[in-house]
Amino acid sequence: MLAGVEGFDRTAIARTLERARGRTLELLAPFSDEQLSRQVSPLQSPLVWDFAHIGHFEELWLLRTVGGAEPLHTEHDDVYDAFAHERSERGELPYLPPAAARAFVDDVRSRSFQLLDRMEENSEPLLKGGFVFGLVAQHELQHIETMAQTMQLGGLPAQIEPPPAVRASGEVGVDEGRVTLGAGVGEPWAYDNELPAHEVELAPYRIDRALTTNADYLAFMHDGGYEDRELWSDDGWAWREAEHASAPLYWERDGGEWLRNRFGCVEPVAGHEPVMHVCFWEAEAYAQWAGKRLPTEAEWENEARSG
């Protein structure tokens, strides 16, 4: 979630939009038109579909809904409607090629900045605190994550920094009590599904100070974690049997060493990084093996808020 700006600060809003767009363009810059247009998996859209969809969402909410403008391209309302077309079929849609998509999103952004210059904050929910501009920025950031997932699935060589090393260790105890979850008054750019702030009662619990590392997970694997039926729920064991899983997705064994495929680059598994690409059942089995359990949503949010 982005932090909202103080009042209706046009300069801060513009900077937020520019930062999001800069990250998008930097992410897509290395790829050819063919790579941008290819659908690498039925689970994901072509990269260029996501890119133009970002522009269409911005046009819909800023230019049309707030600015009252007519549609720039009425045919986009179908092609870039994420509810009308599931990801598996988007590769067959008449989406814009890369150059046209860039021209479209640039045109929309230019018009959005013109709108921002003449907009005044009022009591309307979309404009209060610049909410609708935060909505557009957060939507773009979410699609950056989606496009990174596409790159990983397709083995595309993305220049993305690895996650930071996990340094903390041990557990912390948390006393029982009431905690506040969700977004509050001071977070004007919160999504509707983060509202309203509300209190929940938590029983006392203990939680690890840090994320599970690849080294931690390797210990589980080396101890027969994928073969121990007692560690898995019935559904989890059925999944493991069907998938023949014996390691996290994108891991492969080379003699006595475990390697991972990260954005098309095969490299040794870094023991100090947090384990990724495990499903719920793998995570649950690991927790059983470690003599623990997965945290609840409320426990996780409480710890994320408290640091």
C-alpha atoms as a PDB file:
ATOM      1  CA  MET A   1       0.000   0.000   0.000  1.00  0.00           C
ATOM      2  CA  LEU A   2       1.289   3.474  -0.908  1.00  0.00           C
ATOM      3  CA  ALA A   3       1.336   6.178   1.702  1.00  0.00           C
ATOM      4  CA  GLY A   4      -1.050   8.970   0.833  1.00  0.00           C
ATOM      5  CA  VAL A   5       0.135  12.530   0.355  1.00  0.00           C
ATOM      6  CA  GLU A   6      -0.659  15.402   2.685  1.00  0.00           C
ATOM      7  CA  GLY A   7      -3.788  17.104   1.400  1.00  0.00           C
ATOM      8  CA  PHE A   8      -4.007  17.545  -2.363  1.00  0.00           C
ATOM      9  CA  ASP A   9      -0.305  18.095  -3.126  1.00  0.00           C
ATOM     10  CA  ARG A  10      -0.070  18.129  -6.924  1.00  0.00           C
ATOM     11  CA  THR A  11       3.719  17.943  -6.935  1.00  0.00           C
ATOM     12  CA  ALA A  12       3.792  14.904  -4.641  1.00  0.00           C
ATOM     13  CA  ILE A  13       1.043  13.190  -6.630  1.00  0.00           C
ATOM     14  CA  ALA A  14       2.898  13.795  -9.902  1.00  0.00           C
ATOM     15  CA  ARG A  15       6.134  12.419  -8.428  1.00  0.00           C
ATOM     16  CA  THR A  16       4.338   9.276  -7.262  1.00  0.00           C
ATOM     17  CA  LEU A  17       2.890   8.680 -10.720  1.00  0.00           C
ATOM     18  CA  GLU A  18       6.276   9.321 -12.352  1.00  0.00           C
ATOM     19  CA  ARG A  19       8.090   6.918 -10.019  1.00  0.00           C
ATOM     20  CA  ALA A  20       5.633   4.139 -10.827  1.00  0.00           C
ATOM     21  CA  ARG A  21       5.937   4.777 -14.576  1.00  0.00           C
ATOM     22  CA  GLY A  22       9.717   4.900 -14.368  1.00  0.00           C
ATOM     23  CA  ARG A  23       9.777   1.473 -12.755  1.00  0.00           C
ATOM     24  CA  THR A  24       7.480   0.086 -15.462  1.00  0.00           C
ATOM     25  CA  LEU A  25       9.605   1.432 -18.320  1.00  0.00           C
ATOM     26  CA  GLU A  26      12.838   0.269 -16.702  1.00  0.00           C
ATOM     27  CA  LEU A  27      11.417  -3.227 -16.268  1.00  0.00           C
ATOM     28  CA  LEU A  28      10.270  -3.532 -19.896  1.00  0.00           C
ATOM     29  CA  ALA A  29      13.182  -1.743 -21.583  1.00  0.00           C
ATOM     30  CA  PRO A  30      15.424  -4.813 -22.213  1.00  0.00           C
ATOM     31  CA  PHE A  31      12.822  -6.813 -24.150  1.00  0.00           C
ATOM     32  CA  SER A  32      12.212  -7.123 -27.871  1.00  0.00           C
ATOM     33  CA  ASP A  33       8.801  -6.622 -29.442  1.00  0.00           C
ATOM     34  CA  GLU A  34       8.520 -10.399 -29.763  1.00  0.00           C
ATOM     35  CA  GLN A  35       9.224 -10.947 -26.069  1.00  0.00           C
ATOM     36  CA  LEU A  36       6.794  -8.199 -25.061  1.00  0.00           C
ATOM     37  CA  SER A  37       4.048  -9.666 -27.238  1.00  0.00           C
ATOM     38  CA  ARG A  38       4.532 -13.354 -26.406  1.00  0.00           C
ATOM     39  CA  GLN A  39       2.194 -15.117 -23.987  1.00  0.00           C
ATOM     40  CA  VAL A  40       4.612 -17.281 -22.010  1.00  0.00           C
ATOM     41  CA  SER A  41       1.967 -19.042 -19.923  1.00  0.00           C
ATOM     42  CA  PRO A  42      -1.836 -19.343 -19.728  1.00  0.00           C
ATOM     43  CA  LEU A  43      -1.417 -18.053 -16.176  1.00  0.00           C
ATOM     44  CA  GLN A  44      -0.207 -14.653 -17.373  1.00  0.00           C
ATOM     45  CA  SER A  45      -1.004 -12.011 -19.983  1.00  0.00           C
ATOM     46  CA  PRO A  46       1.495 -10.896 -22.639  1.00  0.00           C
ATOM     47  CA  LEU A  47       3.668  -8.150 -21.138  1.00  0.00           C
ATOM     48  CA  VAL A  48       2.423  -5.591 -23.637  1.00  0.00           C
ATOM     49  CA  TRP A  49      -1.189  -6.351 -22.661  1.00  0.00           C
ATOM     50  CA  ASP A  50      -0.379  -5.453 -19.055  1.00  0.00           C
ATOM     51  CA  PHE A  51       1.403  -2.303 -20.214  1.00  0.00           C
ATOM     52  CA  ALA A  52      -1.522  -0.996 -22.284  1.00  0.00           C
ATOM     53  CA  HIS A  53      -3.992  -2.132 -19.599  1.00  0.00           C
ATOM     54  CA  ILE A  54      -2.174   0.180 -17.165  1.00  0.00           C
ATOM     55  CA  GLY A  55      -2.860   3.064 -19.546  1.00  0.00           C
ATOM     56  CA  HIS A  56      -6.471   2.041 -20.073  1.00  0.00           C
ATOM     57  CA  PHE A  57      -7.106   1.866 -16.311  1.00  0.00           C
ATOM     58  CA  GLU A  58      -5.620   5.346 -15.935  1.00  0.00           C
ATOM     59  CA  GLU A  59      -7.756   6.690 -18.771  1.00  0.00           C
ATOM     60  CA  LEU A  60     -10.896   5.115 -17.328  1.00  0.00           C
ATOM     61  CA  TRP A  61     -10.493   6.430 -13.794  1.00  0.00           C
ATOM     62  CA  LEU A  62      -8.769   9.782 -14.356  1.00  0.00           C
ATOM     63  CA  LEU A  63      -9.698  11.087 -17.785  1.00  0.00           C
ATOM     64  CA  ARG A  64     -13.222   9.690 -17.994  1.00  0.00           C
ATOM     65  CA  THR A  65     -14.526   9.164 -14.453  1.00  0.00           C
ATOM     66  CA  VAL A  66     -12.959  12.275 -12.910  1.00  0.00           C
ATOM     67  CA  GLY A  67     -12.344  14.426 -15.971  1.00  0.00           C
ATOM     68  CA  GLY A  68     -15.541  13.587 -17.851  1.00  0.00           C
ATOM     69  CA  ALA A  69     -13.706  12.949 -21.134  1.00  0.00           C
ATOM     70  CA  GLU A  70     -14.920  10.750 -23.961  1.00  0.00           C
ATOM     71  CA  PRO A  71     -13.108   7.399 -24.530  1.00  0.00           C
ATOM     72  CA  LEU A  72      -9.912   7.731 -26.551  1.00  0.00           C
ATOM     73  CA  HIS A  73     -10.438   4.301 -28.134  1.00  0.00           C
ATOM     74  CA  THR A  74     -13.765   2.595 -27.461  1.00  0.00           C
ATOM     75  CA  GLU A  75     -12.401  -0.799 -28.576  1.00  0.00           C
ATOM     76  CA  HIS A  76     -10.024  -0.779 -25.589  1.00  0.00           C
ATOM     77  CA  ASP A  77     -12.961  -1.151 -23.216  1.00  0.00           C
ATOM     78  CA  ASP A  78     -13.272  -4.784 -24.243  1.00  0.00           C
ATOM     79  CA  VAL A  79      -9.656  -5.709 -25.003  1.00  0.00           C
ATOM     80  CA  TYR A  80      -8.294  -4.376 -21.705  1.00  0.00           C
ATOM     81  CA  ASP A  81     -11.186  -5.368 -19.445  1.00  0.00           C
ATOM     82  CA  ALA A  82      -9.565  -7.752 -16.963  1.00  0.00           C
ATOM     83  CA  PHE A  83     -12.977  -9.052 -15.874  1.00  0.00           C
ATOM     84  CA  ALA A  84     -14.164  -9.812 -19.409  1.00  0.00           C
ATOM     85  CA  HIS A  85     -11.110 -11.834 -20.464  1.00  0.00           C
ATOM     86  CA  GLU A  86      -9.232 -14.277 -18.285  1.00  0.00           C
ATOM     87  CA  ARG A  87      -5.462 -14.341 -18.676  1.00  0.00           C
ATOM     88  CA  SER A  88      -5.354 -17.542 -20.697  1.00  0.00           C
ATOM     89  CA  GLU A  89      -7.224 -15.920 -23.605  1.00  0.00           C
ATOM     90  CA  ARG A  90      -5.589 -12.483 -23.647  1.00  0.00           C
ATOM     91  CA  GLY A  91      -2.866 -13.571 -26.048  1.00  0.00           C
ATOM     92  CA  GLU A  92      -5.530 -13.944 -28.756  1.00  0.00           C
ATOM     93  CA  LEU A  93      -7.025 -10.484 -28.278  1.00  0.00           C
ATOM     94  CA  PRO A  94      -6.314  -7.619 -30.722  1.00  0.00           C
ATOM     95  CA  TYR A  95      -4.077  -5.801 -28.218  1.00  0.00           C
ATOM     96  CA  LEU A  96      -1.789  -2.952 -29.207  1.00  0.00           C
ATOM     97  CA  PRO A  97       1.743  -3.799 -30.405  1.00  0.00           C
ATOM     98  CA  PRO A  98       4.575  -2.347 -28.279  1.00  0.00           C
ATOM     99  CA  ALA A  99       5.108   0.957 -30.124  1.00  0.00           C
ATOM    100  CA  ALA A 100       1.389   1.732 -30.234  1.00  0.00           C
ATOM    101  CA  ALA A 101       0.996   0.733 -26.582  1.00  0.00           C
ATOM    102  CA  ARG A 102       3.787   3.136 -25.582  1.00  0.00           C
ATOM    103  CA  ALA A 103       2.187   5.945 -27.593  1.00  0.00           C
ATOM    104  CA  PHE A 104      -1.162   5.254 -25.928  1.00  0.00           C
ATOM    105  CA  VAL A 105       0.095   5.217 -22.336  1.00  0.00           C
ATOM    106  CA  ASP A 106       2.222   8.324 -22.980  1.00  0.00           C
ATOM    107  CA  ASP A 107      -0.808  10.161 -24.385  1.00  0.00           C
ATOM    108  CA  VAL A 108      -2.958   9.175 -21.403  1.00  0.00           C
ATOM    109  CA  ARG A 109      -0.266  10.289 -18.941  1.00  0.00           C
ATOM    110  CA  SER A 110       0.099  13.668 -20.641  1.00  0.00           C
ATOM    111  CA  ARG A 111      -3.654  14.223 -20.384  1.00  0.00           C
ATOM    112  CA  SER A 112      -3.641  13.007 -16.756  1.00  0.00           C
ATOM    113  CA  PHE A 113      -1.070  15.644 -15.792  1.00  0.00           C
ATOM    114  CA  GLN A 114      -3.167  18.313 -17.502  1.00  0.00           C
ATOM    115  CA  LEU A 115      -6.152  17.101 -15.476  1.00  0.00           C
ATOM    116  CA  LEU A 116      -4.106  17.138 -12.264  1.00  0.00           C
ATOM    117  CA  ASP A 117      -3.101  20.768 -12.892  1.00  0.00           C
ATOM    118  CA  ARG A 118      -6.727  21.937 -12.981  1.00  0.00           C
ATOM    119  CA  MET A 119      -8.229  19.590 -10.376  1.00  0.00           C
ATOM    120  CA  GLU A 120      -9.236  20.833  -6.951  1.00  0.00           C
ATOM    121  CA  GLU A 121      -9.713  18.622  -3.905  1.00  0.00           C
ATOM    122  CA  ASN A 122     -13.292  18.342  -2.699  1.00  0.00           C
ATOM    123  CA  SER A 123     -15.383  16.057  -0.538  1.00  0.00           C
ATOM    124  CA  GLU A 124     -15.930  13.534  -3.335  1.00  0.00           C
ATOM    125  CA  PRO A 125     -14.356  10.199  -2.240  1.00  0.00           C
ATOM    126  CA  LEU A 126     -12.311   9.885  -5.447  1.00  0.00           C
ATOM    127  CA  LEU A 127     -10.641  13.280  -5.000  1.00  0.00           C
ATOM    128  CA  LYS A 128     -10.331  13.503  -1.230  1.00  0.00           C
ATOM    129  CA  GLY A 129      -6.626  13.342  -0.456  1.00  0.00           C
ATOM    130  CA  GLY A 130      -5.968  12.658  -4.141  1.00  0.00           C
ATOM    131  CA  PHE A 131      -7.300   9.109  -3.700  1.00  0.00           C
ATOM    132  CA  VAL A 132      -7.965   8.390  -7.383  1.00  0.00           C
ATOM    133  CA  PHE A 133      -4.394   9.317  -8.324  1.00  0.00           C
ATOM    134  CA  GLY A 134      -3.109   6.950  -5.640  1.00  0.00           C
ATOM    135  CA  LEU A 135      -5.437   4.281  -7.024  1.00  0.00           C
ATOM    136  CA  VAL A 136      -3.860   4.663 -10.473  1.00  0.00           C
ATOM    137  CA  ALA A 137      -0.316   4.550  -9.080  1.00  0.00           C
ATOM    138  CA  GLN A 138      -1.006   1.476  -6.934  1.00  0.00           C
ATOM    139  CA  HIS A 139      -2.624  -0.291  -9.873  1.00  0.00           C
ATOM    140  CA  GLU A 140       0.523   0.272 -11.936  1.00  0.00           C
ATOM    141  CA  LEU A 141       2.767  -0.991  -9.140  1.00  0.00           C
ATOM    142  CA  GLN A 142       0.623  -4.124  -8.856  1.00  0.00           C
ATOM    143  CA  HIS A 143       1.064  -4.793 -12.558  1.00  0.00           C
ATOM    144  CA  ILE A 144       4.818  -4.379 -12.202  1.00  0.00           C
ATOM    145  CA  GLU A 145       4.654  -7.337  -9.817  1.00  0.00           C
ATOM    146  CA  THR A 146       2.444  -9.218 -12.284  1.00  0.00           C
ATOM    147  CA  MET A 147       4.866  -8.570 -15.145  1.00  0.00           C
ATOM    148  CA  ALA A 148       7.793  -9.736 -13.021  1.00  0.00           C
ATOM    149  CA  GLN A 149       5.878 -12.986 -12.445  1.00  0.00           C
ATOM    150  CA  THR A 150       5.450 -13.315 -16.212  1.00  0.00           C
ATOM    151  CA  MET A 151       9.190 -12.841 -16.706  1.00  0.00           C
ATOM    152  CA  GLN A 152       9.988 -15.554 -14.177  1.00  0.00           C
ATOM    153  CA  LEU A 153       7.510 -17.994 -15.727  1.00  0.00           C
ATOM    154  CA  GLY A 154       8.896 -17.277 -19.195  1.00  0.00           C
ATOM    155  CA  GLY A 155      12.552 -17.353 -18.194  1.00  0.00           C
ATOM    156  CA  LEU A 156      12.997 -13.793 -19.455  1.00  0.00           C
ATOM    157  CA  PRO A 157      16.223 -12.114 -18.301  1.00  0.00           C
ATOM    158  CA  ALA A 158      14.843  -9.397 -16.022  1.00  0.00           C
ATOM    159  CA  GLN A 159      17.234  -7.110 -14.182  1.00  0.00           C
ATOM    160  CA  ILE A 160      15.655  -7.400 -10.731  1.00  0.00           C
ATOM    161  CA  GLU A 161      17.678  -7.323  -7.542  1.00  0.00           C
ATOM    162  CA  PRO A 162      17.468 -10.479  -5.404  1.00  0.00           C
ATOM    163  CA  PRO A 163      15.631 -10.202  -2.084  1.00  0.00           C
ATOM    164  CA  PRO A 164      17.679  -8.926   0.859  1.00  0.00           C
ATOM    165  CA  ALA A 165      19.472 -11.382   3.101  1.00  0.00           C
ATOM    166  CA  VAL A 166      17.597 -12.607   6.169  1.00  0.00           C
ATOM    167  CA  ARG A 167      19.601 -11.574   9.233  1.00  0.00           C
ATOM    168  CA  ALA A 168      17.355 -11.833  12.291  1.00  0.00           C
ATOM    169  CA  SER A 169      16.787 -15.139  14.061  1.00  0.00           C
ATOM    170  CA  GLY A 170      14.877 -16.651  16.956  1.00  0.00           C
ATOM    171  CA  GLU A 171      11.331 -16.037  18.074  1.00  0.00           C
ATOM    172  CA  VAL A 172       9.397 -13.309  19.800  1.00  0.00           C
ATOM    173  CA  GLY A 173       6.461 -13.786  22.141  1.00  0.00           C
ATOM    174  CA  VAL A 174       3.319 -11.697  21.695  1.00  0.00           C
ATOM    175  CA  ASP A 175       0.876 -11.223  24.544  1.00  0.00           C
ATOM    176  CA  GLU A 176      -2.847 -11.592  24.115  1.00  0.00           C
ATOM    177  CA  GLY A 177      -4.841  -8.444  23.485  1.00  0.00           C
ATOM    178  CA  ARG A 178      -6.762  -6.358  21.011  1.00  0.00           C
ATOM    179  CA  VAL A 179      -4.960  -5.069  17.929  1.00  0.00           C
ATOM    180  CA  THR A 180      -6.067  -2.804  15.101  1.00  0.00           C
ATOM    181  CA  LEU A 181      -6.052  -4.208  11.578  1.00  0.00           C
ATOM    182  CA  GLY A 182      -6.845  -2.500   8.295  1.00  0.00           C
ATOM    183  CA  ALA A 183      -6.261   1.074   7.197  1.00  0.00           C
ATOM    184  CA  GLY A 184      -7.025   4.066   9.327  1.00  0.00           C
ATOM    185  CA  VAL A 185      -7.841   7.747   8.911  1.00  0.00           C
ATOM    186  CA  GLY A 186      -4.213   8.680   8.224  1.00  0.00           C
ATOM    187  CA  GLU A 187      -3.996   6.451   5.152  1.00  0.00           C
ATOM    188  CA  PRO A 188      -6.044   8.242   2.448  1.00  0.00           C
ATOM    189  CA  TRP A 189      -4.844   5.996  -0.381  1.00  0.00           C
ATOM    190  CA  ALA A 190      -6.015   2.735   1.148  1.00  0.00           C
ATOM    191  CA  TYR A 191      -8.048   0.361  -1.010  1.00  0.00           C
ATOM    192  CA  ASP A 192     -11.650  -0.370  -0.089  1.00  0.00           C
ATOM    193  CA  ASN A 193     -10.739  -3.912   0.937  1.00  0.00           C
ATOM    194  CA  GLU A 194      -8.352  -2.457   3.545  1.00  0.00           C
ATOM    195  CA  LEU A 195     -11.171  -0.488   5.158  1.00  0.00           C
ATOM    196  CA  PRO A 196     -12.368   0.118   7.750  1.00  0.00           C
ATOM    197  CA  ALA A 197      -9.775  -0.156  10.497  1.00  0.00           C
ATOM    198  CA  HIS A 198     -11.102  -2.621  13.052  1.00  0.00           C
ATOM    199  CA  GLU A 199     -10.027  -4.344  16.230  1.00  0.00           C
ATOM    200  CA  VAL A 200      -9.567  -8.085  16.691  1.00  0.00           C
ATOM    201  CA  GLU A 201      -8.714 -10.122  19.746  1.00  0.00           C
ATOM    202  CA  LEU A 202      -5.506 -12.150  19.515  1.00  0.00           C
ATOM    203  CA  ALA A 203      -4.559 -15.028  21.786  1.00  0.00           C
ATOM    204  CA  PRO A 204      -0.909 -15.106  22.922  1.00  0.00           C
ATOM    205  CA  TYR A 205       1.461 -16.591  20.346  1.00  0.00           C
ATOM    206  CA  ARG A 206       5.095 -16.868  19.371  1.00  0.00           C
ATOM    207  CA  ILE A 207       6.395 -16.009  15.915  1.00  0.00           C
ATOM    208  CA  ASP A 208       9.761 -16.160  14.160  1.00  0.00           C
ATOM    209  CA  ARG A 209      11.582 -12.854  13.982  1.00  0.00           C
ATOM    210  CA  ALA A 210      12.513 -13.450  10.349  1.00  0.00           C
ATOM    211  CA  LEU A 211      11.356 -15.202   7.211  1.00  0.00           C
ATOM    212  CA  THR A 212      12.284 -18.821   6.550  1.00  0.00           C
ATOM    213  CA  THR A 213      15.508 -18.973   4.549  1.00  0.00           C
ATOM    214  CA  ASN A 214      16.533 -21.280   1.735  1.00  0.00           C
ATOM    215  CA  ALA A 215      19.024 -22.864   4.152  1.00  0.00           C
ATOM    216  CA  ASP A 216      16.209 -23.554   6.619  1.00  0.00           C
ATOM    217  CA  TYR A 217      14.145 -25.123   3.872  1.00  0.00           C
ATOM    218  CA  LEU A 218      17.066 -27.199   2.614  1.00  0.00           C
ATOM    219  CA  ALA A 219      17.337 -28.739   6.099  1.00  0.00           C
ATOM    220  CA  PHE A 220      13.668 -29.764   5.797  1.00  0.00           C
ATOM    221  CA  MET A 221      14.323 -31.282   2.366  1.00  0.00           C
ATOM    222  CA  HIS A 222      17.463 -33.130   3.470  1.00  0.00           C
ATOM    223  CA  ASP A 223      15.539 -34.562   6.433  1.00  0.00           C
ATOM    224  CA  GLY A 224      13.048 -36.188   4.084  1.00  0.00           C
ATOM    225  CA  GLY A 225      10.381 -33.520   4.375  1.00  0.00           C
ATOM    226  CA  TYR A 226       8.912 -34.305   0.973  1.00  0.00           C
ATOM    227  CA  GLU A 227       8.679 -38.030   1.762  1.00  0.00           C
ATOM    228  CA  ASP A 228       7.267 -37.872   5.307  1.00  0.00           C
ATOM    229  CA  ARG A 229       3.532 -38.450   4.885  1.00  0.00           C
ATOM    230  CA  GLU A 230       2.841 -37.409   8.477  1.00  0.00           C
ATOM    231  CA  LEU A 231       3.890 -33.822   7.771  1.00  0.00           C
ATOM    232  CA  TRP A 232       1.281 -33.264   5.078  1.00  0.00           C
ATOM    233  CA  SER A 233      -2.483 -32.807   5.116  1.00  0.00           C
ATOM    234  CA  ASP A 234      -4.445 -35.179   2.876  1.00  0.00           C
ATOM    235  CA  ASP A 235      -4.891 -32.447   0.241  1.00  0.00           C
ATOM    236  CA  GLY A 236      -1.228 -31.498   0.471  1.00  0.00           C
ATOM    237  CA  TRP A 237      -0.085 -35.078   0.022  1.00  0.00           C
ATOM    238  CA  ALA A 238      -2.408 -35.507  -2.963  1.00  0.00           C
ATOM    239  CA  TRP A 239      -0.878 -32.385  -4.515  1.00  0.00           C
ATOM    240  CA  ARG A 240       2.657 -33.608  -3.849  1.00  0.00           C
ATOM    241  CA  GLU A 241       1.890 -36.990  -5.396  1.00  0.00           C
ATOM    242  CA  ALA A 242       0.295 -35.423  -8.472  1.00  0.00           C
ATOM    243  CA  GLU A 243       3.077 -32.883  -9.001  1.00  0.00           C
ATOM    244  CA  HIS A 244       5.902 -35.257  -7.967  1.00  0.00           C
ATOM    245  CA  ALA A 245       7.237 -32.287  -6.004  1.00  0.00           C
ATOM    246  CA  SER A 246      10.536 -32.791  -4.208  1.00  0.00           C
ATOM    247  CA  ALA A 247      11.786 -29.183  -4.137  1.00  0.00           C
ATOM    248  CA  PRO A 248      10.437 -25.642  -4.561  1.00  0.00           C
ATOM    249  CA  LEU A 249       9.456 -24.547  -8.045  1.00  0.00           C
ATOM    250  CA  TYR A 250      12.461 -23.493 -10.187  1.00  0.00           C
ATOM    251  CA  TRP A 251      14.917 -25.533  -8.104  1.00  0.00           C
ATOM    252  CA  GLU A 252      16.922 -28.350  -9.662  1.00  0.00           C
ATOM    253  CA  ARG A 253      19.655 -30.631  -8.366  1.00  0.00           C
ATOM    254  CA  ASP A 254      23.077 -30.759  -9.964  1.00  0.00           C
ATOM    255  CA  GLY A 255      25.007 -33.525  -8.263  1.00  0.00           C
ATOM    256  CA  GLY A 256      25.309 -32.481  -4.651  1.00  0.00           C
ATOM    257  CA  GLU A 257      24.280 -28.873  -5.270  1.00  0.00           C
ATOM    258  CA  TRP A 258      20.870 -27.246  -5.540  1.00  0.00           C
ATOM    259  CA  LEU A 259      20.440 -24.642  -8.272  1.00  0.00           C
ATOM    260  CA  ARG A 260      17.577 -22.288  -9.069  1.00  0.00           C
ATOM    261  CA  ASN A 261      16.397 -20.714 -12.282  1.00  0.00           C
ATOM    262  CA  ARG A 262      15.924 -16.991 -11.619  1.00  0.00           C
ATOM    263  CA  PHE A 263      14.685 -14.986 -14.610  1.00  0.00           C
ATOM    264  CA  GLY A 264      16.377 -17.373 -17.015  1.00  0.00           C
ATOM    265  CA  CYS A 265      19.692 -17.472 -15.101  1.00  0.00           C
ATOM    266  CA  VAL A 266      20.626 -20.756 -13.400  1.00  0.00           C
ATOM    267  CA  GLU A 267      22.569 -20.099 -10.206  1.00  0.00           C
ATOM    268  CA  PRO A 268      23.263 -21.739  -6.837  1.00  0.00           C
ATOM    269  CA  VAL A 269      20.478 -21.461  -4.289  1.00  0.00           C
ATOM    270  CA  ALA A 270      21.422 -18.653  -1.904  1.00  0.00           C
ATOM    271  CA  GLY A 271      21.010 -19.993   1.618  1.00  0.00           C
ATOM    272  CA  HIS A 272      20.647 -16.553   3.241  1.00  0.00           C
ATOM    273  CA  GLU A 273      17.677 -15.465   1.091  1.00  0.00           C
ATOM    274  CA  PRO A 274      14.030 -16.091   2.020  1.00  0.00           C
ATOM    275  CA  VAL A 275      12.578 -19.212   0.425  1.00  0.00           C
ATOM    276  CA  MET A 276      10.212 -18.448  -2.460  1.00  0.00           C
ATOM    277  CA  HIS A 277       7.871 -20.242  -4.865  1.00  0.00           C
ATOM    278  CA  VAL A 278       6.547 -22.746  -2.344  1.00  0.00           C
ATOM    279  CA  CYS A 279       2.829 -23.436  -2.251  1.00  0.00           C
ATOM    280  CA  PHE A 280       0.636 -23.445   0.852  1.00  0.00           C
ATOM    281  CA  TRP A 281       1.048 -27.183   1.387  1.00  0.00           C
ATOM    282  CA  GLU A 282       4.831 -27.006   1.176  1.00  0.00           C
ATOM    283  CA  ALA A 283       4.854 -24.147   3.677  1.00  0.00           C
ATOM    284  CA  GLU A 284       2.467 -26.012   5.963  1.00  0.00           C
ATOM    285  CA  ALA A 285       4.568 -29.193   5.819  1.00  0.00           C
ATOM    286  CA  TYR A 286       7.719 -27.217   6.597  1.00  0.00           C
ATOM    287  CA  ALA A 287       6.021 -25.627   9.620  1.00  0.00           C
ATOM    288  CA  GLN A 288       4.925 -29.070  10.853  1.00  0.00           C
ATOM    289  CA  TRP A 289       8.478 -30.334  10.461  1.00  0.00           C
ATOM    290  CA  ALA A 290       9.813 -27.350  12.413  1.00  0.00           C
ATOM    291  CA  GLY A 291       7.321 -28.015  15.235  1.00  0.00           C
ATOM    292  CA  LYS A 292       5.429 -24.811  14.487  1.00  0.00           C
ATOM    293  CA  ARG A 293       2.464 -23.591  12.417  1.00  0.00           C
ATOM    294  CA  LEU A 294       1.791 -20.921   9.844  1.00  0.00           C
ATOM    295  CA  PRO A 295       0.651 -17.570  11.280  1.00  0.00           C
ATOM    296  CA  THR A 296      -2.920 -16.436  10.851  1.00  0.00           C
ATOM    297  CA  GLU A 297      -3.689 -13.399   8.700  1.00  0.00           C
ATOM    298  CA  ALA A 298      -4.299 -11.299  11.811  1.00  0.00           C
ATOM    299  CA  GLU A 299      -1.043 -12.411  13.442  1.00  0.00           C
ATOM    300  CA  TRP A 300       0.913 -11.724  10.258  1.00  0.00           C
ATOM    301  CA  GLU A 301      -0.538  -8.232   9.792  1.00  0.00           C
ATOM    302  CA  ASN A 302       0.047  -7.407  13.447  1.00  0.00           C
ATOM    303  CA  GLU A 303       3.719  -8.350  13.155  1.00  0.00           C
ATOM    304  CA  ALA A 304       4.151  -6.581   9.812  1.00  0.00           C
ATOM    305  CA  ARG A 305       2.768  -3.393  11.374  1.00  0.00           C
ATOM    306  CA  SER A 306       4.922  -3.638  14.483  1.00  0.00           C
ATOM    307  CA  GLY A 307       8.092  -4.553  12.627  1.00  0.00           C
END
